[in-house]
Protein backbone atom coordinates (compact mmCIF):
# COMPACT_ATOMS: atom_id res chain seq x y z
CA MET A 1 225.95 -29.35 -30.97
CA TYR A 2 223.52 -29.65 -33.78
CA GLN A 3 221.26 -32.58 -34.65
CA TYR A 4 218.55 -33.05 -37.28
CA TYR A 5 215.04 -34.01 -36.52
CA ASN A 6 212.36 -34.46 -39.10
CA GLY A 7 213.89 -31.91 -41.38
CA LEU A 8 214.62 -29.39 -38.59
CA ILE A 9 217.81 -28.50 -36.84
CA ILE A 10 218.04 -28.74 -33.03
CA ARG A 11 220.83 -26.63 -31.55
CA GLU A 12 222.08 -27.14 -28.10
CA GLY A 13 223.48 -24.01 -26.38
CA THR A 14 222.70 -21.02 -24.24
CA THR A 15 224.55 -18.32 -26.21
CA ASP A 16 223.56 -16.42 -29.23
CA VAL A 17 219.89 -17.20 -28.94
CA PRO A 18 218.15 -14.27 -30.76
CA ALA A 19 215.94 -12.28 -28.35
CA VAL A 20 213.47 -11.36 -31.18
CA GLN A 21 212.89 -15.08 -31.97
CA VAL A 22 212.23 -15.96 -28.25
CA LYS A 23 209.91 -13.01 -27.99
CA LYS A 24 208.01 -14.23 -30.97
CA LEU A 25 207.50 -17.70 -29.58
CA PHE A 26 206.46 -16.32 -26.07
CA GLU A 27 203.97 -14.01 -27.74
CA GLU A 28 202.40 -16.78 -29.81
CA ALA A 29 202.09 -18.84 -26.68
CA GLY A 30 200.30 -16.08 -24.85
CA TRP A 31 202.99 -15.77 -22.21
CA ILE A 32 203.75 -12.12 -22.96
CA ARG A 33 202.35 -9.06 -24.57
CA GLU A 34 203.46 -5.39 -25.08
CA VAL A 35 207.09 -5.80 -23.99
CA PRO A 36 208.87 -2.34 -23.78
CA LYS A 37 211.88 -2.11 -26.07
CA TRP A 38 214.17 -1.77 -23.15
CA GLN A 39 213.19 -5.15 -21.88
CA MET A 40 214.15 -7.07 -24.99
CA GLU A 41 217.52 -8.10 -23.57
CA LYS A 42 215.79 -10.32 -21.09
CA PHE A 43 214.91 -12.78 -23.84
CA SER A 44 218.62 -13.36 -24.41
CA LEU A 45 219.73 -13.10 -20.80
CA ILE A 46 217.40 -15.95 -19.74
CA PHE A 47 219.54 -18.27 -21.89
CA GLU A 48 222.82 -16.99 -20.62
CA HIS A 49 221.87 -17.88 -17.10
CA ALA A 50 220.24 -21.23 -17.94
CA SER A 51 221.98 -24.52 -17.44
CA TRP A 52 220.92 -26.08 -20.70
CA ALA A 53 218.92 -25.02 -23.65
CA PHE A 54 217.83 -26.47 -26.96
CA THR A 55 216.38 -24.39 -29.87
CA VAL A 56 214.59 -25.89 -32.92
CA TRP A 57 215.09 -24.24 -36.29
CA ASN A 58 213.35 -24.37 -39.58
CA ASP A 59 215.81 -22.57 -41.81
CA GLU A 60 216.22 -19.14 -40.18
CA GLU A 61 213.06 -19.35 -38.01
CA MET A 62 213.06 -20.70 -34.43
CA VAL A 63 210.02 -22.95 -34.09
CA GLY A 64 210.62 -24.31 -30.65
CA MET A 65 212.74 -24.06 -27.57
CA VAL A 66 213.35 -25.41 -24.11
CA ARG A 67 215.27 -23.87 -21.28
CA VAL A 68 216.43 -25.60 -18.16
CA VAL A 69 217.65 -24.44 -14.76
CA SER A 70 219.70 -27.09 -12.94
CA ASP A 71 222.48 -27.84 -10.37
CA LYS A 72 223.74 -30.29 -13.05
CA ILE A 73 224.02 -33.03 -10.39
CA MET A 74 220.72 -33.85 -8.74
CA MET A 75 217.91 -31.88 -10.32
CA GLY A 76 216.74 -30.00 -13.36
CA THR A 77 213.68 -27.85 -13.91
CA ILE A 78 212.22 -27.22 -17.38
CA MET A 79 211.43 -23.46 -17.23
CA ASP A 80 210.22 -22.77 -20.67
CA LEU A 81 209.12 -25.27 -23.34
CA VAL A 82 207.30 -23.84 -26.26
CA VAL A 83 206.70 -24.96 -29.84
CA GLN A 84 204.95 -22.76 -32.48
CA LYS A 85 201.33 -23.79 -32.91
CA ASN A 86 201.79 -24.88 -36.57
CA TRP A 87 204.64 -27.22 -35.53
CA GLN A 88 202.80 -28.77 -32.50
CA GLY A 89 201.80 -32.41 -32.74
CA LYS A 90 204.98 -33.43 -34.58
CA GLY A 91 206.93 -34.76 -31.67
CA ILE A 92 209.06 -31.76 -31.23
CA GLY A 93 208.15 -30.99 -27.56
CA GLN A 94 208.67 -34.70 -26.60
CA LYS A 95 211.96 -34.68 -28.42
CA LEU A 96 213.10 -31.51 -26.45
CA VAL A 97 212.02 -33.03 -23.11
CA SER A 98 213.99 -36.28 -23.95
CA LEU A 99 217.08 -34.18 -24.76
CA CYS A 100 216.80 -32.45 -21.45
CA VAL A 101 216.30 -35.61 -19.42
CA ALA A 102 219.29 -37.18 -21.20
CA LYS A 103 221.56 -34.44 -19.67
CA LEU A 104 220.74 -35.71 -16.16
CA PRO A 105 219.17 -39.18 -16.66
CA HIS A 106 219.35 -40.27 -13.01
CA GLY A 107 218.35 -36.76 -11.62
CA ASP A 108 215.01 -35.41 -10.38
CA TRP A 109 213.22 -33.43 -13.10
CA PHE A 110 210.50 -30.88 -12.62
CA ALA A 111 208.37 -28.89 -15.12
CA HIS A 112 207.39 -25.30 -14.49
CA THR A 113 204.02 -25.44 -16.32
CA SER A 114 200.25 -25.12 -16.02
CA SER A 115 197.79 -27.87 -15.54
CA ALA A 116 196.82 -27.58 -19.27
CA ASN A 117 200.18 -29.32 -19.97
CA PHE A 118 199.94 -32.20 -17.46
CA ASP A 119 198.89 -34.78 -20.15
CA PHE A 120 201.80 -33.78 -22.25
CA TYR A 121 204.33 -34.27 -19.46
CA LYS A 122 202.73 -37.65 -18.54
CA ARG A 123 203.33 -38.75 -22.15
CA CYS A 124 206.99 -37.71 -21.55
CA GLY A 125 207.17 -39.99 -18.49
CA PHE A 126 206.66 -37.32 -15.82
CA GLU A 127 204.40 -38.07 -12.90
CA VAL A 128 201.73 -35.57 -11.95
CA LYS A 129 201.42 -35.65 -8.15
CA ASP A 130 198.15 -35.34 -6.28
CA LEU A 131 198.25 -31.61 -5.56
CA SER A 132 195.96 -32.09 -2.58
CA LYS A 133 198.84 -34.03 -0.89
CA ASN A 134 201.91 -32.65 -2.62
CA GLY A 135 202.68 -29.40 -4.19
CA THR A 136 205.25 -26.80 -5.02
CA CYS A 137 205.46 -23.61 -3.15
CA VAL A 138 205.73 -20.59 -5.48
CA TYR A 139 206.35 -16.88 -5.28
CA TYR A 140 205.56 -15.07 -8.51
CA GLY A 141 207.58 -11.82 -8.59
CA TYR A 142 205.50 -10.48 -11.53
CA ILE A 143 202.34 -10.52 -9.42
CA GLN A 144 204.05 -8.47 -6.76
CA ALA A 145 205.39 -6.17 -9.45
CA LYS A 146 201.79 -5.58 -10.64
CA LYS A 147 200.69 -4.81 -7.11
CA ASP A 148 203.61 -2.47 -6.79
CA GLY A 149 202.58 -0.70 -10.01
CA HIS A 150 205.85 -1.75 -11.83
CA ARG A 151 204.18 -3.88 -14.42
CA LEU A 152 201.01 -3.74 -16.51
């Protein structure tokens, strides 16, 4: 599925997402650095194993994306939502969130994000819980990989 949004094209799909474009977005967001060549495939594989994904294109350049992991019945988690800095503030992120929620409008939605993004998700209709009373238990495998000497 394709749709137009403010002169951009939004593509729905989890296949044929170019790894090099995803890597570029992740680098600009500060999420990664110095990725070994042999790990490039992970930027495509994350989509192949996602439940839903939307990518935003300005001609041949991917300027935004969102990736969702879901059981497609009761819950969905936004794992990655990123928009190039020069395209932020134009409603692209909110549009991507609304497309995700529309896939499971009566389900429970979660966002895998940092506190710096709480205000954004509030604007999208998400509730930020009082973390002193509620929270999410997490295990970050990349931290253990660093401890084990498998990652820089």
